[in-house]
Amino acid sequence: MMPMNPKQMRKMMKQMGINMEEVDAEEVIIRKHDEELIFKNPSISRIVAKGMETFQIVGDYQVVSREIEVNEDDVKLIMEQAGVDEEEARNALKEARGDLAEALIKLQG
């Protein structure tokens, strides 16, 4: 079977009710709980079909770890409840991703 050229492919997709367009972007960042995926100069396609939008990102990316930020009031509460110093409370909260109950259980268990 002969490969279809991009113009024919777009025409066929349009007939099927699928619209595709390129999105011009310098950078795309996907934030996860503990890391970020950073795409520099990505190739992005926006596809609309049956009222749903889908984005396709193609390109090289870099993985960067994220520091978990903890609330100072939560640190104080964990210190009081678990009877630990600030560093232990802060570390427990970071390990528990800010979940107070999980941090307390780790320290008391």
PDB file of N, CA and C in Angstrom:
ATOM      1  N   MET A   1       0.846  -1.186   0.000  1.00  0.00           N
ATOM      2  CA  MET A   1       0.000   0.000   0.000  1.00  0.00           C
ATOM      3  C   MET A   1       0.888   1.243   0.000  1.00  0.00           C
ATOM      4  N   MET A   2       0.541   2.191  -0.817  1.00  0.00           N
ATOM      5  CA  MET A   2       1.322   3.411  -0.947  1.00  0.00           C
ATOM      6  C   MET A   2       1.034   4.365   0.215  1.00  0.00           C
ATOM      7  N   PRO A   3       2.092   4.954   0.810  1.00  0.00           N
ATOM      8  CA  PRO A   3       1.844   5.885   1.922  1.00  0.00           C
ATOM      9  C   PRO A   3       1.079   7.125   1.458  1.00  0.00           C
ATOM     10  N   MET A   4       0.233   7.647   2.355  1.00  0.00           N
ATOM     11  CA  MET A   4      -0.592   8.796   2.040  1.00  0.00           C
ATOM     12  C   MET A   4       0.194  10.079   2.364  1.00  0.00           C
ATOM     13  N   ASN A   5       0.087  11.078   1.513  1.00  0.00           N
ATOM     14  CA  ASN A   5       0.787  12.320   1.825  1.00  0.00           C
ATOM     15  C   ASN A   5       0.000  13.089   2.901  1.00  0.00           C
ATOM     16  N   PRO A   6       0.669  13.966   3.644  1.00  0.00           N
ATOM     17  CA  PRO A   6       0.016  14.676   4.755  1.00  0.00           C
ATOM     18  C   PRO A   6      -1.241  15.444   4.366  1.00  0.00           C
ATOM     19  N   LYS A   7      -1.258  16.039   3.168  1.00  0.00           N
ATOM     20  CA  LYS A   7      -2.429  16.802   2.722  1.00  0.00           C
ATOM     21  C   LYS A   7      -3.638  15.877   2.550  1.00  0.00           C
ATOM     22  N   GLN A   8      -3.422  14.701   1.936  1.00  0.00           N
ATOM     23  CA  GLN A   8      -4.502  13.730   1.760  1.00  0.00           C
ATOM     24  C   GLN A   8      -4.987  13.232   3.130  1.00  0.00           C
ATOM     25  N   MET A   9      -4.038  13.010   4.034  1.00  0.00           N
ATOM     26  CA  MET A   9      -4.374  12.519   5.371  1.00  0.00           C
ATOM     27  C   MET A   9      -5.259  13.523   6.096  1.00  0.00           C
ATOM     28  N   ARG A  10      -4.906  14.819   6.043  1.00  0.00           N
ATOM     29  CA  ARG A  10      -5.720  15.858   6.695  1.00  0.00           C
ATOM     30  C   ARG A  10      -7.122  15.928   6.089  1.00  0.00           C
ATOM     31  N   LYS A  11      -7.198  15.821   4.751  1.00  0.00           N
ATOM     32  CA  LYS A  11      -8.487  15.870   4.069  1.00  0.00           C
ATOM     33  C   LYS A  11      -9.368  14.700   4.517  1.00  0.00           C
ATOM     34  N   MET A  12      -8.796  13.518   4.587  1.00  0.00           N
ATOM     35  CA  MET A  12      -9.538  12.344   5.006  1.00  0.00           C
ATOM     36  C   MET A  12     -10.001  12.475   6.466  1.00  0.00           C
ATOM     37  N   MET A  13      -9.117  12.977   7.324  1.00  0.00           N
ATOM     38  CA  MET A  13      -9.470  13.167   8.733  1.00  0.00           C
ATOM     39  C   MET A  13     -10.609  14.175   8.864  1.00  0.00           C
ATOM     40  N   LYS A  14     -10.549  15.255   8.085  1.00  0.00           N
ATOM     41  CA  LYS A  14     -11.599  16.281   8.131  1.00  0.00           C
ATOM     42  C   LYS A  14     -12.950  15.692   7.721  1.00  0.00           C
ATOM     43  N   GLN A  15     -12.947  14.831   6.698  1.00  0.00           N
ATOM     44  CA  GLN A  15     -14.176  14.171   6.252  1.00  0.00           C
ATOM     45  C   GLN A  15     -14.753  13.281   7.361  1.00  0.00           C
ATOM     46  N   MET A  16     -13.891  12.748   8.204  1.00  0.00           N
ATOM     47  CA  MET A  16     -14.331  11.887   9.316  1.00  0.00           C
ATOM     48  C   MET A  16     -14.694  12.702  10.563  1.00  0.00           C
ATOM     49  N   GLY A  17     -14.613  14.036  10.448  1.00  0.00           N
ATOM     50  CA  GLY A  17     -14.960  14.897  11.580  1.00  0.00           C
ATOM     51  C   GLY A  17     -13.817  15.080  12.558  1.00  0.00           C
ATOM     52  N   ILE A  18     -12.606  14.833  12.095  1.00  0.00           N
ATOM     53  CA  ILE A  18     -11.423  14.985  12.953  1.00  0.00           C
ATOM     54  C   ILE A  18     -10.626  16.181  12.450  1.00  0.00           C
ATOM     55  N   ASN A  19     -10.390  17.133  13.331  1.00  0.00           N
ATOM     56  CA  ASN A  19      -9.631  18.327  12.970  1.00  0.00           C
ATOM     57  C   ASN A  19      -8.294  18.276  13.698  1.00  0.00           C
ATOM     58  N   MET A  20      -7.215  18.505  12.957  1.00  0.00           N
ATOM     59  CA  MET A  20      -5.881  18.466  13.551  1.00  0.00           C
ATOM     60  C   MET A  20      -5.127  19.729  13.178  1.00  0.00           C
ATOM     61  N   GLU A  21      -4.481  20.321  14.175  1.00  0.00           N
ATOM     62  CA  GLU A  21      -3.682  21.519  13.904  1.00  0.00           C
ATOM     63  C   GLU A  21      -2.423  21.493  14.748  1.00  0.00           C
ATOM     64  N   GLU A  22      -1.398  22.163  14.245  1.00  0.00           N
ATOM     65  CA  GLU A  22      -0.136  22.266  14.979  1.00  0.00           C
ATOM     66  C   GLU A  22      -0.244  23.401  15.993  1.00  0.00           C
ATOM     67  N   VAL A  23       0.340  23.206  17.161  1.00  0.00           N
ATOM     68  CA  VAL A  23       0.351  24.225  18.206  1.00  0.00           C
ATOM     69  C   VAL A  23       1.786  24.715  18.343  1.00  0.00           C
ATOM     70  N   ASP A  24       1.980  26.012  18.227  1.00  0.00           N
ATOM     71  CA  ASP A  24       3.311  26.600  18.337  1.00  0.00           C
ATOM     72  C   ASP A  24       3.629  26.828  19.816  1.00  0.00           C
ATOM     73  N   ALA A  25       4.659  26.162  20.317  1.00  0.00           N
ATOM     74  CA  ALA A  25       5.031  26.317  21.728  1.00  0.00           C
ATOM     75  C   ALA A  25       6.546  26.224  21.882  1.00  0.00           C
ATOM     76  N   GLU A  26       7.074  26.988  22.817  1.00  0.00           N
ATOM     77  CA  GLU A  26       8.507  26.945  23.113  1.00  0.00           C
ATOM     78  C   GLU A  26       8.825  25.842  24.109  1.00  0.00           C
ATOM     79  N   GLU A  27       7.864  25.593  25.022  1.00  0.00           N
ATOM     80  CA  GLU A  27       8.139  24.664  26.113  1.00  0.00           C
ATOM     81  C   GLU A  27       6.830  24.083  26.636  1.00  0.00           C
ATOM     82  N   VAL A  28       6.874  22.824  27.040  1.00  0.00           N
ATOM     83  CA  VAL A  28       5.736  22.175  27.685  1.00  0.00           C
ATOM     84  C   VAL A  28       6.264  21.543  28.966  1.00  0.00           C
ATOM     85  N   ILE A  29       5.555  21.791  30.077  1.00  0.00           N
ATOM     86  CA  ILE A  29       5.948  21.210  31.356  1.00  0.00           C
ATOM     87  C   ILE A  29       4.802  20.350  31.873  1.00  0.00           C
ATOM     88  N   ILE A  30       5.108  19.096  32.161  1.00  0.00           N
ATOM     89  CA  ILE A  30       4.137  18.195  32.767  1.00  0.00           C
ATOM     90  C   ILE A  30       4.584  18.009  34.205  1.00  0.00           C
ATOM     91  N   ARG A  31       3.746  18.477  35.156  1.00  0.00           N
ATOM     92  CA  ARG A  31       4.076  18.388  36.574  1.00  0.00           C
ATOM     93  C   ARG A  31       3.460  17.148  37.191  1.00  0.00           C
ATOM     94  N   LYS A  32       4.310  16.322  37.764  1.00  0.00           N
ATOM     95  CA  LYS A  32       3.854  15.155  38.506  1.00  0.00           C
ATOM     96  C   LYS A  32       4.122  15.470  39.988  1.00  0.00           C
ATOM     97  N   HIS A  33       3.723  14.587  40.875  1.00  0.00           N
ATOM     98  CA  HIS A  33       3.907  14.864  42.308  1.00  0.00           C
ATOM     99  C   HIS A  33       5.371  15.108  42.674  1.00  0.00           C
ATOM    100  N   ASP A  34       6.267  14.307  42.134  1.00  0.00           N
ATOM    101  CA  ASP A  34       7.656  14.385  42.572  1.00  0.00           C
ATOM    102  C   ASP A  34       8.645  14.812  41.490  1.00  0.00           C
ATOM    103  N   GLU A  35       8.147  15.054  40.270  1.00  0.00           N
ATOM    104  CA  GLU A  35       9.054  15.460  39.203  1.00  0.00           C
ATOM    105  C   GLU A  35       8.300  16.210  38.105  1.00  0.00           C
ATOM    106  N   GLU A  36       9.080  16.855  37.242  1.00  0.00           N
ATOM    107  CA  GLU A  36       8.533  17.552  36.088  1.00  0.00           C
ATOM    108  C   GLU A  36       9.182  16.994  34.832  1.00  0.00           C
ATOM    109  N   LEU A  37       8.396  16.873  33.776  1.00  0.00           N
ATOM    110  CA  LEU A  37       8.909  16.507  32.462  1.00  0.00           C
ATOM    111  C   LEU A  37       8.897  17.787  31.646  1.00  0.00           C
ATOM    112  N   ILE A  38      10.069  18.249  31.219  1.00  0.00           N
ATOM    113  CA  ILE A  38      10.172  19.525  30.521  1.00  0.00           C
ATOM    114  C   ILE A  38      10.583  19.278  29.069  1.00  0.00           C
ATOM    115  N   PHE A  39       9.670  19.628  28.143  1.00  0.00           N
ATOM    116  CA  PHE A  39       9.909  19.493  26.713  1.00  0.00           C
ATOM    117  C   PHE A  39      10.315  20.858  26.186  1.00  0.00           C
ATOM    118  N   LYS A  40      11.493  20.966  25.579  1.00  0.00           N
ATOM    119  CA  LYS A  40      11.950  22.213  24.951  1.00  0.00           C
ATOM    120  C   LYS A  40      11.712  22.100  23.442  1.00  0.00           C
ATOM    121  N   ASN A  41      11.134  23.124  22.837  1.00  0.00           N
ATOM    122  CA  ASN A  41      10.831  23.164  21.400  1.00  0.00           C
ATOM    123  C   ASN A  41      10.105  21.895  20.932  1.00  0.00           C
ATOM    124  N   PRO A  42       8.995  21.546  21.576  1.00  0.00           N
ATOM    125  CA  PRO A  42       8.281  20.326  21.188  1.00  0.00           C
ATOM    126  C   PRO A  42       7.460  20.511  19.913  1.00  0.00           C
ATOM    127  N   SER A  43       7.106  19.398  19.326  1.00  0.00           N
ATOM    128  CA  SER A  43       6.163  19.388  18.211  1.00  0.00           C
ATOM    129  C   SER A  43       4.832  18.956  18.824  1.00  0.00           C
ATOM    130  N   ILE A  44       3.825  19.838  18.753  1.00  0.00           N
ATOM    131  CA  ILE A  44       2.547  19.572  19.413  1.00  0.00           C
ATOM    132  C   ILE A  44       1.422  19.590  18.386  1.00  0.00           C
ATOM    133  N   SER A  45       0.592  18.558  18.445  1.00  0.00           N
ATOM    134  CA  SER A  45      -0.601  18.498  17.594  1.00  0.00           C
ATOM    135  C   SER A  45      -1.826  18.538  18.484  1.00  0.00           C
ATOM    136  N   ARG A  46      -2.805  19.351  18.094  1.00  0.00           N
ATOM    137  CA  ARG A  46      -4.095  19.416  18.783  1.00  0.00           C
ATOM    138  C   ARG A  46      -5.100  18.728  17.883  1.00  0.00           C
ATOM    139  N   ILE A  47      -5.726  17.688  18.405  1.00  0.00           N
ATOM    140  CA  ILE A  47      -6.660  16.899  17.624  1.00  0.00           C
ATOM    141  C   ILE A  47      -8.044  17.008  18.258  1.00  0.00           C
ATOM    142  N   VAL A  48      -9.033  17.421  17.465  1.00  0.00           N
ATOM    143  CA  VAL A  48     -10.410  17.527  17.953  1.00  0.00           C
ATOM    144  C   VAL A  48     -11.254  16.514  17.187  1.00  0.00           C
ATOM    145  N   ALA A  49     -11.857  15.591  17.932  1.00  0.00           N
ATOM    146  CA  ALA A  49     -12.701  14.567  17.324  1.00  0.00           C
ATOM    147  C   ALA A  49     -13.877  14.290  18.250  1.00  0.00           C
ATOM    148  N   LYS A  50     -15.075  14.369  17.712  1.00  0.00           N
ATOM    149  CA  LYS A  50     -16.299  14.109  18.475  1.00  0.00           C
ATOM    150  C   LYS A  50     -16.358  14.938  19.757  1.00  0.00           C
ATOM    151  N   GLY A  51     -15.947  16.209  19.642  1.00  0.00           N
ATOM    152  CA  GLY A  51     -16.029  17.114  20.780  1.00  0.00           C
ATOM    153  C   GLY A  51     -14.935  16.949  21.824  1.00  0.00           C
ATOM    154  N   MET A  52     -14.021  16.019  21.634  1.00  0.00           N
ATOM    155  CA  MET A  52     -12.929  15.786  22.579  1.00  0.00           C
ATOM    156  C   MET A  52     -11.638  16.355  22.012  1.00  0.00           C
ATOM    157  N   GLU A  53     -10.887  17.060  22.863  1.00  0.00           N
ATOM    158  CA  GLU A  53      -9.583  17.574  22.456  1.00  0.00           C
ATOM    159  C   GLU A  53      -8.488  16.668  22.995  1.00  0.00           C
ATOM    160  N   THR A  54      -7.534  16.361  22.135  1.00  0.00           N
ATOM    161  CA  THR A  54      -6.384  15.563  22.521  1.00  0.00           C
ATOM    162  C   THR A  54      -5.139  16.294  22.049  1.00  0.00           C
ATOM    163  N   PHE A  55      -4.114  16.297  22.891  1.00  0.00           N
ATOM    164  CA  PHE A  55      -2.848  16.912  22.515  1.00  0.00           C
ATOM    165  C   PHE A  55      -1.782  15.832  22.451  1.00  0.00           C
ATOM    166  N   GLN A  56      -0.999  15.877  21.386  1.00  0.00           N
ATOM    167  CA  GLN A  56       0.104  14.939  21.218  1.00  0.00           C
ATOM    168  C   GLN A  56       1.389  15.745  21.267  1.00  0.00           C
ATOM    169  N   ILE A  57       2.292  15.360  22.166  1.00  0.00           N
ATOM    170  CA  ILE A  57       3.560  16.067  22.336  1.00  0.00           C
ATOM    171  C   ILE A  57       4.685  15.135  21.914  1.00  0.00           C
ATOM    172  N   VAL A  58       5.512  15.622  20.996  1.00  0.00           N
ATOM    173  CA  VAL A  58       6.643  14.839  20.528  1.00  0.00           C
ATOM    174  C   VAL A  58       7.901  15.667  20.706  1.00  0.00           C
ATOM    175  N   GLY A  59       8.942  15.048  21.254  1.00  0.00           N
ATOM    176  CA  GLY A  59      10.209  15.745  21.392  1.00  0.00           C
ATOM    177  C   GLY A  59      11.009  15.213  22.554  1.00  0.00           C
ATOM    178  N   ASP A  60      12.215  15.707  22.662  1.00  0.00           N
ATOM    179  CA  ASP A  60      13.081  15.315  23.767  1.00  0.00           C
ATOM    180  C   ASP A  60      12.663  16.069  25.017  1.00  0.00           C
ATOM    181  N   TYR A  61      12.785  15.410  26.150  1.00  0.00           N
ATOM    182  CA  TYR A  61      12.423  16.057  27.411  1.00  0.00           C
ATOM    183  C   TYR A  61      13.435  15.735  28.487  1.00  0.00           C
ATOM    184  N   GLN A  62      13.387  16.540  29.511  1.00  0.00           N
ATOM    185  CA  GLN A  62      14.286  16.415  30.654  1.00  0.00           C
ATOM    186  C   GLN A  62      13.424  16.160  31.887  1.00  0.00           C
ATOM    187  N   VAL A  63      13.897  15.276  32.758  1.00  0.00           N
ATOM    188  CA  VAL A  63      13.186  14.985  33.995  1.00  0.00           C
ATOM    189  C   VAL A  63      13.865  15.754  35.121  1.00  0.00           C
ATOM    190  N   VAL A  64      13.074  16.551  35.846  1.00  0.00           N
ATOM    191  CA  VAL A  64      13.601  17.354  36.942  1.00  0.00           C
ATOM    192  C   VAL A  64      12.819  17.015  38.209  1.00  0.00           C
ATOM    193  N   SER A  65      13.537  16.678  39.279  1.00  0.00           N
ATOM    194  CA  SER A  65      12.874  16.369  40.552  1.00  0.00           C
ATOM    195  C   SER A  65      12.249  17.622  41.138  1.00  0.00           C
ATOM    196  N   ARG A  66      11.103  17.445  41.780  1.00  0.00           N
ATOM    197  CA  ARG A  66      10.417  18.567  42.433  1.00  0.00           C
ATOM    198  C   ARG A  66      10.557  18.433  43.937  1.00  0.00           C
ATOM    199  N   GLU A  67      10.805  19.524  44.569  1.00  0.00           N
ATOM    200  CA  GLU A  67      10.856  19.567  46.031  1.00  0.00           C
ATOM    201  C   GLU A  67       9.421  19.687  46.535  1.00  0.00           C
ATOM    202  N   ILE A  68       9.056  18.816  47.453  1.00  0.00           N
ATOM    203  CA  ILE A  68       7.727  18.860  48.036  1.00  0.00           C
ATOM    204  C   ILE A  68       7.689  20.005  49.047  1.00  0.00           C
ATOM    205  N   GLU A  69       6.744  20.924  48.866  1.00  0.00           N
ATOM    206  CA  GLU A  69       6.596  22.035  49.801  1.00  0.00           C
ATOM    207  C   GLU A  69       5.619  21.637  50.889  1.00  0.00           C
ATOM    208  N   VAL A  70       6.010  21.914  52.130  1.00  0.00           N
ATOM    209  CA  VAL A  70       5.126  21.590  53.253  1.00  0.00           C
ATOM    210  C   VAL A  70       4.712  22.869  53.966  1.00  0.00           C
ATOM    211  N   ASN A  71       3.522  22.859  54.491  1.00  0.00           N
ATOM    212  CA  ASN A  71       2.940  23.988  55.195  1.00  0.00           C
ATOM    213  C   ASN A  71       3.568  24.091  56.600  1.00  0.00           C
ATOM    214  N   GLU A  72       3.957  25.295  56.986  1.00  0.00           N
ATOM    215  CA  GLU A  72       4.601  25.491  58.293  1.00  0.00           C
ATOM    216  C   GLU A  72       3.685  25.115  59.456  1.00  0.00           C
ATOM    217  N   ASP A  73       2.387  25.393  59.317  1.00  0.00           N
ATOM    218  CA  ASP A  73       1.432  25.009  60.362  1.00  0.00           C
ATOM    219  C   ASP A  73       1.373  23.490  60.508  1.00  0.00           C
ATOM    220  N   ASP A  74       1.470  22.778  59.369  1.00  0.00           N
ATOM    221  CA  ASP A  74       1.473  21.316  59.409  1.00  0.00           C
ATOM    222  C   ASP A  74       2.726  20.798  60.121  1.00  0.00           C
ATOM    223  N   VAL A  75       3.860  21.446  59.868  1.00  0.00           N
ATOM    224  CA  VAL A  75       5.111  21.042  60.527  1.00  0.00           C
ATOM    225  C   VAL A  75       4.955  21.186  62.041  1.00  0.00           C
ATOM    226  N   LYS A  76       4.412  22.310  62.495  1.00  0.00           N
ATOM    227  CA  LYS A  76       4.214  22.547  63.929  1.00  0.00           C
ATOM    228  C   LYS A  76       3.263  21.513  64.531  1.00  0.00           C
ATOM    229  N   LEU A  77       2.190  21.217  63.816  1.00  0.00           N
ATOM    230  CA  LEU A  77       1.222  20.238  64.298  1.00  0.00           C
ATOM    231  C   LEU A  77       1.866  18.854  64.447  1.00  0.00           C
ATOM    232  N   ILE A  78       2.652  18.436  63.458  1.00  0.00           N
ATOM    233  CA  ILE A  78       3.322  17.128  63.515  1.00  0.00           C
ATOM    234  C   ILE A  78       4.337  17.114  64.656  1.00  0.00           C
ATOM    235  N   MET A  79       5.049  18.215  64.860  1.00  0.00           N
ATOM    236  CA  MET A  79       6.014  18.305  65.962  1.00  0.00           C
ATOM    237  C   MET A  79       5.309  18.073  67.296  1.00  0.00           C
ATOM    238  N   GLU A  80       4.175  18.739  67.478  1.00  0.00           N
ATOM    239  CA  GLU A  80       3.416  18.617  68.728  1.00  0.00           C
ATOM    240  C   GLU A  80       2.818  17.223  68.900  1.00  0.00           C
ATOM    241  N   GLN A  81       2.180  16.724  67.855  1.00  0.00           N
ATOM    242  CA  GLN A  81       1.482  15.446  67.946  1.00  0.00           C
ATOM    243  C   GLN A  81       2.427  14.255  68.079  1.00  0.00           C
ATOM    244  N   ALA A  82       3.554  14.300  67.378  1.00  0.00           N
ATOM    245  CA  ALA A  82       4.480  13.163  67.382  1.00  0.00           C
ATOM    246  C   ALA A  82       5.632  13.340  68.371  1.00  0.00           C
ATOM    247  N   GLY A  83       5.771  14.559  68.919  1.00  0.00           N
ATOM    248  CA  GLY A  83       6.857  14.808  69.866  1.00  0.00           C
ATOM    249  C   GLY A  83       8.234  14.725  69.220  1.00  0.00           C
ATOM    250  N   VAL A  84       8.353  15.275  68.008  1.00  0.00           N
ATOM    251  CA  VAL A  84       9.637  15.243  67.290  1.00  0.00           C
ATOM    252  C   VAL A  84      10.105  16.664  67.002  1.00  0.00           C
ATOM    253  N   ASP A  85      11.374  16.785  66.585  1.00  0.00           N
ATOM    254  CA  ASP A  85      11.889  18.117  66.266  1.00  0.00           C
ATOM    255  C   ASP A  85      11.428  18.542  64.867  1.00  0.00           C
ATOM    256  N   GLU A  86      11.718  19.785  64.515  1.00  0.00           N
ATOM    257  CA  GLU A  86      11.239  20.354  63.245  1.00  0.00           C
ATOM    258  C   GLU A  86      11.744  19.586  62.032  1.00  0.00           C
ATOM    259  N   GLU A  87      12.995  19.199  62.041  1.00  0.00           N
ATOM    260  CA  GLU A  87      13.570  18.488  60.897  1.00  0.00           C
ATOM    261  C   GLU A  87      12.869  17.142  60.667  1.00  0.00           C
ATOM    262  N   GLU A  88      12.649  16.391  61.745  1.00  0.00           N
ATOM    263  CA  GLU A  88      11.955  15.099  61.618  1.00  0.00           C
ATOM    264  C   GLU A  88      10.526  15.288  61.104  1.00  0.00           C
ATOM    265  N   ALA A  89       9.845  16.291  61.627  1.00  0.00           N
ATOM    266  CA  ALA A  89       8.466  16.564  61.205  1.00  0.00           C
ATOM    267  C   ALA A  89       8.420  16.948  59.731  1.00  0.00           C
ATOM    268  N   ARG A  90       9.330  17.822  59.318  1.00  0.00           N
ATOM    269  CA  ARG A  90       9.386  18.284  57.924  1.00  0.00           C
ATOM    270  C   ARG A  90       9.680  17.108  56.980  1.00  0.00           C
ATOM    271  N   ASN A  91      10.658  16.264  57.350  1.00  0.00           N
ATOM    272  CA  ASN A  91      11.015  15.109  56.518  1.00  0.00           C
ATOM    273  C   ASN A  91       9.860  14.118  56.408  1.00  0.00           C
ATOM    274  N   ALA A  92       9.166  13.876  57.520  1.00  0.00           N
ATOM    275  CA  ALA A  92       8.030  12.948  57.508  1.00  0.00           C
ATOM    276  C   ALA A  92       6.923  13.478  56.589  1.00  0.00           C
ATOM    277  N   LEU A  93       6.671  14.786  56.653  1.00  0.00           N
ATOM    278  CA  LEU A  93       5.648  15.382  55.781  1.00  0.00           C
ATOM    279  C   LEU A  93       6.048  15.299  54.307  1.00  0.00           C
ATOM    280  N   LYS A  94       7.329  15.506  54.012  1.00  0.00           N
ATOM    281  CA  LYS A  94       7.786  15.406  52.624  1.00  0.00           C
ATOM    282  C   LYS A  94       7.635  13.978  52.118  1.00  0.00           C
ATOM    283  N   GLU A  95       8.017  13.000  52.945  1.00  0.00           N
ATOM    284  CA  GLU A  95       7.880  11.594  52.546  1.00  0.00           C
ATOM    285  C   GLU A  95       6.418  11.230  52.322  1.00  0.00           C
ATOM    286  N   ALA A  96       5.536  11.826  53.129  1.00  0.00           N
ATOM    287  CA  ALA A  96       4.100  11.539  53.037  1.00  0.00           C
ATOM    288  C   ALA A  96       3.393  12.460  52.036  1.00  0.00           C
ATOM    289  N   ARG A  97       4.167  13.263  51.312  1.00  0.00           N
ATOM    290  CA  ARG A  97       3.626  14.208  50.324  1.00  0.00           C
ATOM    291  C   ARG A  97       2.585  15.136  50.923  1.00  0.00           C
ATOM    292  N   GLY A  98       2.842  15.577  52.155  1.00  0.00           N
ATOM    293  CA  GLY A  98       1.963  16.540  52.814  1.00  0.00           C
ATOM    294  C   GLY A  98       0.775  15.925  53.525  1.00  0.00           C
ATOM    295  N   ASP A  99       0.646  14.608  53.497  1.00  0.00           N
ATOM    296  CA  ASP A  99      -0.472  13.926  54.157  1.00  0.00           C
ATOM    297  C   ASP A  99      -0.195  13.843  55.653  1.00  0.00           C
ATOM    298  N   LEU A 100      -0.956  14.613  56.447  1.00  0.00           N
ATOM    299  CA  LEU A 100      -0.729  14.690  57.899  1.00  0.00           C
ATOM    300  C   LEU A 100      -0.865  13.329  58.579  1.00  0.00           C
ATOM    301  N   ALA A 101      -1.923  12.614  58.280  1.00  0.00           N
ATOM    302  CA  ALA A 101      -2.161  11.316  58.932  1.00  0.00           C
ATOM    303  C   ALA A 101      -1.032  10.341  58.630  1.00  0.00           C
ATOM    304  N   GLU A 102      -0.619  10.282  57.381  1.00  0.00           N
ATOM    305  CA  GLU A 102       0.464   9.359  56.994  1.00  0.00           C
ATOM    306  C   GLU A 102       1.775   9.735  57.682  1.00  0.00           C
ATOM    307  N   ALA A 103       2.064  11.038  57.771  1.00  0.00           N
ATOM    308  CA  ALA A 103       3.279  11.490  58.441  1.00  0.00           C
ATOM    309  C   ALA A 103       3.262  11.090  59.918  1.00  0.00           C
ATOM    310  N   LEU A 104       2.135  11.278  60.577  1.00  0.00           N
ATOM    311  CA  LEU A 104       2.006  10.897  61.993  1.00  0.00           C
ATOM    312  C   LEU A 104       2.187   9.387  62.188  1.00  0.00           C
ATOM    313  N   ILE A 105       1.578   8.607  61.335  1.00  0.00           N
ATOM    314  CA  ILE A 105       1.682   7.154  61.426  1.00  0.00           C
ATOM    315  C   ILE A 105       3.139   6.717  61.268  1.00  0.00           C
ATOM    316  N   LYS A 106       3.856   7.321  60.328  1.00  0.00           N
ATOM    317  CA  LYS A 106       5.278   6.981  60.109  1.00  0.00           C
ATOM    318  C   LYS A 106       6.105   7.285  61.353  1.00  0.00           C
ATOM    319  N   LEU A 107       5.827   8.418  61.968  1.00  0.00           N
ATOM    320  CA  LEU A 107       6.615   8.827  63.139  1.00  0.00           C
ATOM    321  C   LEU A 107       6.247   8.058  64.405  1.00  0.00           C
ATOM    322  N   GLN A 108       5.005   7.667  64.511  1.00  0.00           N
ATOM    323  CA  GLN A 108       4.551   6.968  65.723  1.00  0.00           C
ATOM    324  C   GLN A 108       4.700   5.464  65.608  1.00  0.00           C
ATOM    325  N   GLY A 109       4.860   4.962  64.392  1.00  0.00           N
ATOM    326  CA  GLY A 109       4.909   3.522  64.168  1.00  0.00           C
ATOM    327  C   GLY A 109       6.229   2.944  64.399  1.00  0.00           C
TER     328      GLY A 109
END
